[in-house]
Amino acid sequence: MLVLRLLPVGSAMMLSIAAGLAGARMAGFIAATLLGSLPQTAVFVLVGGGMEVNHQWQVALAVGLFVMSGLGGVWLLRGSRIARADRTT
């Protein structure tokens, strides 16, 4: 859940519905949602605040956080796939 929340693609609503249908535990779902939503929320706040004159640094920081969030999600996804592959062999 955390990996999917960190990736800056997809629909949060569809992910929540899928988690409910898959039987995700509530505590894990809430924790992953809180942690995974923070970077993207910061991006939206910085981009919105950076629309004023002479606030290009906020937009640049938002772009950097967006990229870091995506890379973090991909890194976690690859790590989970490697761990799963090690368990099956």
PDB file of N, CA and C in Angstrom:
ATOM      1  N   MET A   1       0.827  -1.185   0.000  1.00  0.00           N
ATOM      2  CA  MET A   1       0.000   0.000   0.000  1.00  0.00           C
ATOM      3  C   MET A   1       0.874   1.252   0.000  1.00  0.00           C
ATOM      4  N   LEU A   2       1.917   1.256   0.838  1.00  0.00           N
ATOM      5  CA  LEU A   2       2.800   2.413   0.905  1.00  0.00           C
ATOM      6  C   LEU A   2       3.461   2.681  -0.439  1.00  0.00           C
ATOM      7  N   VAL A   3       3.902   1.641  -1.099  1.00  0.00           N
ATOM      8  CA  VAL A   3       4.563   1.802  -2.401  1.00  0.00           C
ATOM      9  C   VAL A   3       3.611   2.465  -3.386  1.00  0.00           C
ATOM     10  N   LEU A   4       2.395   2.003  -3.432  1.00  0.00           N
ATOM     11  CA  LEU A   4       1.434   2.553  -4.391  1.00  0.00           C
ATOM     12  C   LEU A   4       1.031   3.983  -4.040  1.00  0.00           C
ATOM     13  N   ARG A   5       1.005   4.299  -2.756  1.00  0.00           N
ATOM     14  CA  ARG A   5       0.694   5.678  -2.357  1.00  0.00           C
ATOM     15  C   ARG A   5       1.830   6.628  -2.722  1.00  0.00           C
ATOM     16  N   LEU A   6       3.075   6.136  -2.670  1.00  0.00           N
ATOM     17  CA  LEU A   6       4.225   6.986  -2.990  1.00  0.00           C
ATOM     18  C   LEU A   6       4.369   7.245  -4.485  1.00  0.00           C
ATOM     19  N   LEU A   7       3.931   6.302  -5.301  1.00  0.00           N
ATOM     20  CA  LEU A   7       4.050   6.492  -6.750  1.00  0.00           C
ATOM     21  C   LEU A   7       3.091   7.591  -7.190  1.00  0.00           C
ATOM     22  N   PRO A   8       3.597   8.569  -7.926  1.00  0.00           N
ATOM     23  CA  PRO A   8       2.755   9.716  -8.297  1.00  0.00           C
ATOM     24  C   PRO A   8       1.848   9.452  -9.492  1.00  0.00           C
ATOM     25  N   VAL A   9       1.328   8.260  -9.594  1.00  0.00           N
ATOM     26  CA  VAL A   9       0.408   7.920 -10.674  1.00  0.00           C
ATOM     27  C   VAL A   9      -0.777   7.158 -10.082  1.00  0.00           C
ATOM     28  N   GLY A  10      -1.853   7.142 -10.800  1.00  0.00           N
ATOM     29  CA  GLY A  10      -2.999   6.358 -10.370  1.00  0.00           C
ATOM     30  C   GLY A  10      -4.014   7.182  -9.598  1.00  0.00           C
ATOM     31  N   SER A  11      -5.064   6.516  -9.203  1.00  0.00           N
ATOM     32  CA  SER A  11      -6.179   7.140  -8.512  1.00  0.00           C
ATOM     33  C   SER A  11      -6.202   6.694  -7.052  1.00  0.00           C
ATOM     34  N   ALA A  12      -6.193   7.648  -6.139  1.00  0.00           N
ATOM     35  CA  ALA A  12      -6.236   7.326  -4.714  1.00  0.00           C
ATOM     36  C   ALA A  12      -7.543   6.611  -4.363  1.00  0.00           C
ATOM     37  N   MET A  13      -8.622   7.015  -4.992  1.00  0.00           N
ATOM     38  CA  MET A  13      -9.907   6.379  -4.701  1.00  0.00           C
ATOM     39  C   MET A  13      -9.910   4.916  -5.150  1.00  0.00           C
ATOM     40  N   MET A  14      -9.397   4.663  -6.348  1.00  0.00           N
ATOM     41  CA  MET A  14      -9.361   3.284  -6.838  1.00  0.00           C
ATOM     42  C   MET A  14      -8.443   2.421  -5.975  1.00  0.00           C
ATOM     43  N   LEU A  15      -7.335   2.997  -5.516  1.00  0.00           N
ATOM     44  CA  LEU A  15      -6.430   2.269  -4.640  1.00  0.00           C
ATOM     45  C   LEU A  15      -7.101   1.936  -3.316  1.00  0.00           C
ATOM     46  N   SER A  16      -7.866   2.866  -2.782  1.00  0.00           N
ATOM     47  CA  SER A  16      -8.578   2.622  -1.534  1.00  0.00           C
ATOM     48  C   SER A  16      -9.632   1.535  -1.701  1.00  0.00           C
ATOM     49  N   ILE A  17     -10.335   1.566  -2.809  1.00  0.00           N
ATOM     50  CA  ILE A  17     -11.342   0.538  -3.080  1.00  0.00           C
ATOM     51  C   ILE A  17     -10.676  -0.830  -3.224  1.00  0.00           C
ATOM     52  N   ALA A  18      -9.571  -0.880  -3.954  1.00  0.00           N
ATOM     53  CA  ALA A  18      -8.850  -2.138  -4.139  1.00  0.00           C
ATOM     54  C   ALA A  18      -8.330  -2.675  -2.816  1.00  0.00           C
ATOM     55  N   ALA A  19      -7.850  -1.789  -1.947  1.00  0.00           N
ATOM     56  CA  ALA A  19      -7.361  -2.226  -0.634  1.00  0.00           C
ATOM     57  C   ALA A  19      -8.497  -2.819   0.194  1.00  0.00           C
ATOM     58  N   GLY A  20      -9.665  -2.203   0.115  1.00  0.00           N
ATOM     59  CA  GLY A  20     -10.824  -2.740   0.837  1.00  0.00           C
ATOM     60  C   GLY A  20     -11.255  -4.088   0.303  1.00  0.00           C
ATOM     61  N   LEU A  21     -11.258  -4.234  -1.009  1.00  0.00           N
ATOM     62  CA  LEU A  21     -11.645  -5.507  -1.613  1.00  0.00           C
ATOM     63  C   LEU A  21     -10.608  -6.606  -1.337  1.00  0.00           C
ATOM     64  N   ALA A  22      -9.347  -6.212  -1.207  1.00  0.00           N
ATOM     65  CA  ALA A  22      -8.279  -7.191  -0.959  1.00  0.00           C
ATOM     66  C   ALA A  22      -8.188  -7.569   0.505  1.00  0.00           C
ATOM     67  N   GLY A  23      -8.912  -6.876   1.365  1.00  0.00           N
ATOM     68  CA  GLY A  23      -8.908  -7.221   2.781  1.00  0.00           C
ATOM     69  C   GLY A  23      -7.707  -6.672   3.536  1.00  0.00           C
ATOM     70  N   ALA A  24      -7.210  -5.513   3.122  1.00  0.00           N
ATOM     71  CA  ALA A  24      -6.077  -4.894   3.818  1.00  0.00           C
ATOM     72  C   ALA A  24      -6.494  -4.539   5.246  1.00  0.00           C
ATOM     73  N   ARG A  25      -5.540  -4.728   6.188  1.00  0.00           N
ATOM     74  CA  ARG A  25      -5.832  -4.364   7.576  1.00  0.00           C
ATOM     75  C   ARG A  25      -5.914  -2.851   7.712  1.00  0.00           C
ATOM     76  N   MET A  26      -6.830  -2.393   8.555  1.00  0.00           N
ATOM     77  CA  MET A  26      -7.090  -0.974   8.683  1.00  0.00           C
ATOM     78  C   MET A  26      -5.868  -0.204   9.189  1.00  0.00           C
ATOM     79  N   ALA A  27      -5.171  -0.718  10.179  1.00  0.00           N
ATOM     80  CA  ALA A  27      -4.014  -0.011  10.740  1.00  0.00           C
ATOM     81  C   ALA A  27      -2.936   0.177   9.679  1.00  0.00           C
ATOM     82  N   GLY A  28      -2.653  -0.856   8.916  1.00  0.00           N
ATOM     83  CA  GLY A  28      -1.657  -0.750   7.845  1.00  0.00           C
ATOM     84  C   GLY A  28      -2.103   0.194   6.753  1.00  0.00           C
ATOM     85  N   PHE A  29      -3.378   0.143   6.416  1.00  0.00           N
ATOM     86  CA  PHE A  29      -3.926   1.024   5.387  1.00  0.00           C
ATOM     87  C   PHE A  29      -3.808   2.489   5.802  1.00  0.00           C
ATOM     88  N   ILE A  30      -4.172   2.792   7.035  1.00  0.00           N
ATOM     89  CA  ILE A  30      -4.118   4.171   7.522  1.00  0.00           C
ATOM     90  C   ILE A  30      -2.673   4.663   7.596  1.00  0.00           C
ATOM     91  N   ALA A  31      -1.781   3.834   8.121  1.00  0.00           N
ATOM     92  CA  ALA A  31      -0.370   4.227   8.229  1.00  0.00           C
ATOM     93  C   ALA A  31       0.236   4.473   6.843  1.00  0.00           C
ATOM     94  N   ALA A  32      -0.031   3.579   5.908  1.00  0.00           N
ATOM     95  CA  ALA A  32       0.507   3.734   4.551  1.00  0.00           C
ATOM     96  C   ALA A  32      -0.084   4.955   3.867  1.00  0.00           C
ATOM     97  N   THR A  33      -1.345   5.224   4.091  1.00  0.00           N
ATOM     98  CA  THR A  33      -1.983   6.389   3.490  1.00  0.00           C
ATOM     99  C   THR A  33      -1.389   7.678   4.044  1.00  0.00           C
ATOM    100  N   LEU A  34      -1.188   7.734   5.358  1.00  0.00           N
ATOM    101  CA  LEU A  34      -0.601   8.933   5.958  1.00  0.00           C
ATOM    102  C   LEU A  34       0.819   9.169   5.464  1.00  0.00           C
ATOM    103  N   LEU A  35       1.649   8.138   5.507  1.00  0.00           N
ATOM    104  CA  LEU A  35       3.044   8.279   5.082  1.00  0.00           C
ATOM    105  C   LEU A  35       3.164   8.517   3.579  1.00  0.00           C
ATOM    106  N   GLY A  36       2.381   7.806   2.804  1.00  0.00           N
ATOM    107  CA  GLY A  36       2.470   7.920   1.349  1.00  0.00           C
ATOM    108  C   GLY A  36       1.867   9.189   0.787  1.00  0.00           C
ATOM    109  N   SER A  37       0.933   9.781   1.498  1.00  0.00           N
ATOM    110  CA  SER A  37       0.284  10.996   1.004  1.00  0.00           C
ATOM    111  C   SER A  37       1.054  12.264   1.351  1.00  0.00           C
ATOM    112  N   LEU A  38       1.924  12.207   2.340  1.00  0.00           N
ATOM    113  CA  LEU A  38       2.657  13.409   2.748  1.00  0.00           C
ATOM    114  C   LEU A  38       3.487  14.029   1.631  1.00  0.00           C
ATOM    115  N   PRO A  39       4.314  13.260   0.915  1.00  0.00           N
ATOM    116  CA  PRO A  39       5.119  13.900  -0.139  1.00  0.00           C
ATOM    117  C   PRO A  39       4.273  14.560  -1.226  1.00  0.00           C
ATOM    118  N   GLN A  40       3.221  13.902  -1.638  1.00  0.00           N
ATOM    119  CA  GLN A  40       2.396  14.477  -2.700  1.00  0.00           C
ATOM    120  C   GLN A  40       1.616  15.692  -2.206  1.00  0.00           C
ATOM    121  N   THR A  41       1.195  15.678  -0.955  1.00  0.00           N
ATOM    122  CA  THR A  41       0.520  16.845  -0.397  1.00  0.00           C
ATOM    123  C   THR A  41       1.470  18.034  -0.358  1.00  0.00           C
ATOM    124  N   ALA A  42       2.722  17.787   0.041  1.00  0.00           N
ATOM    125  CA  ALA A  42       3.717  18.859   0.056  1.00  0.00           C
ATOM    126  C   ALA A  42       3.943  19.406  -1.350  1.00  0.00           C
ATOM    127  N   VAL A  43       3.955  18.526  -2.339  1.00  0.00           N
ATOM    128  CA  VAL A  43       4.121  18.972  -3.725  1.00  0.00           C
ATOM    129  C   VAL A  43       2.978  19.901  -4.123  1.00  0.00           C
ATOM    130  N   PHE A  44       1.751  19.516  -3.837  1.00  0.00           N
ATOM    131  CA  PHE A  44       0.601  20.337  -4.220  1.00  0.00           C
ATOM    132  C   PHE A  44       0.618  21.689  -3.515  1.00  0.00           C
ATOM    133  N   VAL A  45       0.983  21.699  -2.235  1.00  0.00           N
ATOM    134  CA  VAL A  45       1.037  22.949  -1.486  1.00  0.00           C
ATOM    135  C   VAL A  45       2.119  23.862  -2.052  1.00  0.00           C
ATOM    136  N   LEU A  46       3.294  23.294  -2.327  1.00  0.00           N
ATOM    137  CA  LEU A  46       4.395  24.106  -2.854  1.00  0.00           C
ATOM    138  C   LEU A  46       4.088  24.651  -4.251  1.00  0.00           C
ATOM    139  N   VAL A  47       3.484  23.837  -5.095  1.00  0.00           N
ATOM    140  CA  VAL A  47       3.140  24.313  -6.440  1.00  0.00           C
ATOM    141  C   VAL A  47       2.086  25.411  -6.344  1.00  0.00           C
ATOM    142  N   GLY A  48       1.087  25.223  -5.512  1.00  0.00           N
ATOM    143  CA  GLY A  48       0.056  26.251  -5.357  1.00  0.00           C
ATOM    144  C   GLY A  48       0.616  27.548  -4.811  1.00  0.00           C
ATOM    145  N   GLY A  49       1.498  27.464  -3.817  1.00  0.00           N
ATOM    146  CA  GLY A  49       2.110  28.659  -3.257  1.00  0.00           C
ATOM    147  C   GLY A  49       3.148  29.263  -4.172  1.00  0.00           C
ATOM    148  N   GLY A  50       3.724  28.464  -5.058  1.00  0.00           N
ATOM    149  CA  GLY A  50       4.761  28.955  -5.956  1.00  0.00           C
ATOM    150  C   GLY A  50       4.235  29.687  -7.171  1.00  0.00           C
ATOM    151  N   MET A  51       2.931  29.766  -7.308  1.00  0.00           N
ATOM    152  CA  MET A  51       2.364  30.448  -8.459  1.00  0.00           C
ATOM    153  C   MET A  51       2.450  31.962  -8.336  1.00  0.00           C
ATOM    154  N   GLU A  52       2.818  32.463  -7.161  1.00  0.00           N
ATOM    155  CA  GLU A  52       2.985  33.904  -6.989  1.00  0.00           C
ATOM    156  C   GLU A  52       4.273  34.351  -7.677  1.00  0.00           C
ATOM    157  N   VAL A  53       4.408  35.618  -7.887  1.00  0.00           N
ATOM    158  CA  VAL A  53       5.592  36.165  -8.537  1.00  0.00           C
ATOM    159  C   VAL A  53       6.821  35.940  -7.644  1.00  0.00           C
ATOM    160  N   ASN A  54       7.943  35.555  -8.251  1.00  0.00           N
ATOM    161  CA  ASN A  54       9.228  35.351  -7.576  1.00  0.00           C
ATOM    162  C   ASN A  54       9.217  34.205  -6.566  1.00  0.00           C
ATOM    163  N   HIS A  55       8.448  33.195  -6.809  1.00  0.00           N
ATOM    164  CA  HIS A  55       8.439  32.023  -5.940  1.00  0.00           C
ATOM    165  C   HIS A  55       8.790  30.761  -6.728  1.00  0.00           C
ATOM    166  N   GLN A  56       9.709  30.903  -7.686  1.00  0.00           N
ATOM    167  CA  GLN A  56      10.097  29.775  -8.521  1.00  0.00           C
ATOM    168  C   GLN A  56      10.754  28.672  -7.700  1.00  0.00           C
ATOM    169  N   TRP A  57      11.385  29.023  -6.579  1.00  0.00           N
ATOM    170  CA  TRP A  57      12.042  28.013  -5.752  1.00  0.00           C
ATOM    171  C   TRP A  57      11.025  27.020  -5.202  1.00  0.00           C
ATOM    172  N   GLN A  58       9.803  27.476  -4.943  1.00  0.00           N
ATOM    173  CA  GLN A  58       8.776  26.569  -4.435  1.00  0.00           C
ATOM    174  C   GLN A  58       8.370  25.564  -5.509  1.00  0.00           C
ATOM    175  N   VAL A  59       8.256  26.028  -6.731  1.00  0.00           N
ATOM    176  CA  VAL A  59       7.908  25.117  -7.821  1.00  0.00           C
ATOM    177  C   VAL A  59       9.043  24.130  -8.054  1.00  0.00           C
ATOM    178  N   ALA A  60      10.285  24.608  -8.013  1.00  0.00           N
ATOM    179  CA  ALA A  60      11.437  23.716  -8.185  1.00  0.00           C
ATOM    180  C   ALA A  60      11.496  22.678  -7.067  1.00  0.00           C
ATOM    181  N   LEU A  61      11.232  23.093  -5.839  1.00  0.00           N
ATOM    182  CA  LEU A  61      11.212  22.153  -4.716  1.00  0.00           C
ATOM    183  C   LEU A  61      10.089  21.135  -4.889  1.00  0.00           C
ATOM    184  N   ALA A  62       8.933  21.585  -5.365  1.00  0.00           N
ATOM    185  CA  ALA A  62       7.811  20.679  -5.597  1.00  0.00           C
ATOM    186  C   ALA A  62       8.156  19.636  -6.653  1.00  0.00           C
ATOM    187  N   VAL A  63       8.811  20.069  -7.724  1.00  0.00           N
ATOM    188  CA  VAL A  63       9.216  19.122  -8.772  1.00  0.00           C
ATOM    189  C   VAL A  63      10.208  18.117  -8.210  1.00  0.00           C
ATOM    190  N   GLY A  64      11.154  18.591  -7.402  1.00  0.00           N
ATOM    191  CA  GLY A  64      12.123  17.687  -6.779  1.00  0.00           C
ATOM    192  C   GLY A  64      11.461  16.673  -5.865  1.00  0.00           C
ATOM    193  N   LEU A  65      10.510  17.118  -5.054  1.00  0.00           N
ATOM    194  CA  LEU A  65       9.787  16.196  -4.165  1.00  0.00           C
ATOM    195  C   LEU A  65       8.952  15.193  -4.958  1.00  0.00           C
ATOM    196  N   PHE A  66       8.372  15.650  -6.048  1.00  0.00           N
ATOM    197  CA  PHE A  66       7.582  14.763  -6.907  1.00  0.00           C
ATOM    198  C   PHE A  66       8.452  13.645  -7.464  1.00  0.00           C
ATOM    199  N   VAL A  67       9.632  14.018  -7.952  1.00  0.00           N
ATOM    200  CA  VAL A  67      10.565  13.028  -8.502  1.00  0.00           C
ATOM    201  C   VAL A  67      11.047  12.090  -7.401  1.00  0.00           C
ATOM    202  N   MET A  68      11.388  12.645  -6.227  1.00  0.00           N
ATOM    203  CA  MET A  68      11.858  11.806  -5.114  1.00  0.00           C
ATOM    204  C   MET A  68      10.775  10.828  -4.654  1.00  0.00           C
ATOM    205  N   SER A  69       9.538  11.282  -4.629  1.00  0.00           N
ATOM    206  CA  SER A  69       8.434  10.408  -4.231  1.00  0.00           C
ATOM    207  C   SER A  69       8.290   9.247  -5.211  1.00  0.00           C
ATOM    208  N   GLY A  70       8.349   9.557  -6.486  1.00  0.00           N
ATOM    209  CA  GLY A  70       8.254   8.506  -7.505  1.00  0.00           C
ATOM    210  C   GLY A  70       9.410   7.528  -7.427  1.00  0.00           C
ATOM    211  N   LEU A  71      10.631   8.046  -7.274  1.00  0.00           N
ATOM    212  CA  LEU A  71      11.804   7.172  -7.176  1.00  0.00           C
ATOM    213  C   LEU A  71      11.757   6.325  -5.906  1.00  0.00           C
ATOM    214  N   GLY A  72      11.283   6.916  -4.814  1.00  0.00           N
ATOM    215  CA  GLY A  72      11.144   6.151  -3.571  1.00  0.00           C
ATOM    216  C   GLY A  72      10.148   5.013  -3.719  1.00  0.00           C
ATOM    217  N   GLY A  73       9.049   5.278  -4.384  1.00  0.00           N
ATOM    218  CA  GLY A  73       8.059   4.227  -4.621  1.00  0.00           C
ATOM    219  C   GLY A  73       8.596   3.117  -5.493  1.00  0.00           C
ATOM    220  N   VAL A  74       9.320   3.483  -6.549  1.00  0.00           N
ATOM    221  CA  VAL A  74       9.916   2.472  -7.436  1.00  0.00           C
ATOM    222  C   VAL A  74      10.952   1.654  -6.681  1.00  0.00           C
ATOM    223  N   TRP A  75      11.768   2.309  -5.845  1.00  0.00           N
ATOM    224  CA  TRP A  75      12.785   1.611  -5.054  1.00  0.00           C
ATOM    225  C   TRP A  75      12.135   0.597  -4.108  1.00  0.00           C
ATOM    226  N   LEU A  76      11.065   1.010  -3.426  1.00  0.00           N
ATOM    227  CA  LEU A  76      10.360   0.090  -2.530  1.00  0.00           C
ATOM    228  C   LEU A  76       9.712  -1.054  -3.302  1.00  0.00           C
ATOM    229  N   LEU A  77       9.166  -0.749  -4.464  1.00  0.00           N
ATOM    230  CA  LEU A  77       8.534  -1.780  -5.287  1.00  0.00           C
ATOM    231  C   LEU A  77       9.555  -2.814  -5.731  1.00  0.00           C
ATOM    232  N   ARG A  78      10.717  -2.362  -6.186  1.00  0.00           N
ATOM    233  CA  ARG A  78      11.774  -3.294  -6.611  1.00  0.00           C
ATOM    234  C   ARG A  78      12.253  -4.133  -5.433  1.00  0.00           C
ATOM    235  N   GLY A  79      12.396  -3.506  -4.273  1.00  0.00           N
ATOM    236  CA  GLY A  79      12.828  -4.241  -3.084  1.00  0.00           C
ATOM    237  C   GLY A  79      11.836  -5.317  -2.681  1.00  0.00           C
ATOM    238  N   SER A  80      10.553  -5.013  -2.789  1.00  0.00           N
ATOM    239  CA  SER A  80       9.548  -6.010  -2.424  1.00  0.00           C
ATOM    240  C   SER A  80       9.511  -7.150  -3.430  1.00  0.00           C
ATOM    241  N   ARG A  81       9.743  -6.851  -4.697  1.00  0.00           N
ATOM    242  CA  ARG A  81       9.774  -7.914  -5.717  1.00  0.00           C
ATOM    243  C   ARG A  81      10.982  -8.814  -5.510  1.00  0.00           C
ATOM    244  N   ILE A  82      12.131  -8.236  -5.185  1.00  0.00           N
ATOM    245  CA  ILE A  82      13.334  -9.026  -4.945  1.00  0.00           C
ATOM    246  C   ILE A  82      13.142  -9.905  -3.718  1.00  0.00           C
ATOM    247  N   ALA A  83      12.573  -9.367  -2.658  1.00  0.00           N
ATOM    248  CA  ALA A  83      12.330 -10.149  -1.442  1.00  0.00           C
ATOM    249  C   ALA A  83      11.358 -11.290  -1.721  1.00  0.00           C
ATOM    250  N   ARG A  84      10.330 -11.013  -2.519  1.00  0.00           N
ATOM    251  CA  ARG A  84       9.334 -12.047  -2.845  1.00  0.00           C
ATOM    252  C   ARG A  84       9.983 -13.134  -3.696  1.00  0.00           C
ATOM    253  N   ALA A  85      10.860 -12.749  -4.617  1.00  0.00           N
ATOM    254  CA  ALA A  85      11.552 -13.732  -5.469  1.00  0.00           C
ATOM    255  C   ALA A  85      12.493 -14.605  -4.640  1.00  0.00           C
ATOM    256  N   ASP A  86      13.142 -14.006  -3.639  1.00  0.00           N
ATOM    257  CA  ASP A  86      14.043 -14.783  -2.775  1.00  0.00           C
ATOM    258  C   ASP A  86      13.272 -15.809  -1.951  1.00  0.00           C
ATOM    259  N   ARG A  87      12.067 -15.484  -1.544  1.00  0.00           N
ATOM    260  CA  ARG A  87      11.262 -16.433  -0.754  1.00  0.00           C
ATOM    261  C   ARG A  87      10.785 -17.602  -1.576  1.00  0.00           C
ATOM    262  N   THR A  88      10.570 -17.398  -2.859  1.00  0.00           N
ATOM    263  CA  THR A  88      10.047 -18.482  -3.697  1.00  0.00           C
ATOM    264  C   THR A  88      11.127 -19.415  -4.222  1.00  0.00           C
ATOM    265  N   THR A  89      12.385 -19.015  -4.123  1.00  0.00           N
ATOM    266  CA  THR A  89      13.458 -19.884  -4.632  1.00  0.00           C
ATOM    267  C   THR A  89      14.095 -20.677  -3.540  1.00  0.00           C
TER     268      THR A  89
END
